[in-house]
Amino acid sequence: MKSLLPVFIVMGFLTFFGLAPSMALDLGSPAPQITAVDQDGNSVAFADIYKKGVTLVYFYPKADTPGCTKEACSLRDGFATLNGRGLQILGVSEDKEDAQKNFQAKYKLPFTLIADSDGSVAKAFGVPLLAGHTKRQSFIVMDGKIAWRALAASTSQQASDVGKALDQLGVK
């Protein structure tokens, strides 16, 4: 057992800092059929959202921080174009409902934010923690399956990256 202790310590360190290998869902995997709470305290069944069309589920570390704000505002600024192509957006972080609500209102975000305070949504998608916060990753769900993913999603270029992914997927 003594010889395994250093291994456990190193693995714990790597996991805490988000350096452990990602277990994110593979392309073609079924998208998680999970239910979570949005910024208003409403229950959101992801399966019901997927049925309505192509969906971006993007994970970010913490509401109202510089990188997360750039990412959210990029999606906000590109929302009319992306939504015009039929894309729905769900932003997910481990923030509580009130923090998500304040973030949405402050930056006039026209999409739903999920308050994943227990980390169950991130876990279902295989998104690791980075220094105790959800790692920045994005997934496009089409026909109930993971069609695209960015395991190191950008901040200020997120809308552009998603638009390019939609082009590659043939989403008009």
Foldseek 3Di string as FASTA:
>chain_A
DVVCVVVVVVVVVCQLQVNPDFPFDDFFAFQDQDWFAWLVRDIDGVVVVQVQFKEKEKEDFFAPDVQQLLQQLLCQVLVVVCVVLVYAYEYEWCAASPSRNCSCVVNVRPHIYTNNVVCPNCVSRRFGAHNNITATKMFIDHPRTTHDIDNRAGRNCNSVVVVVSCVVVVRD
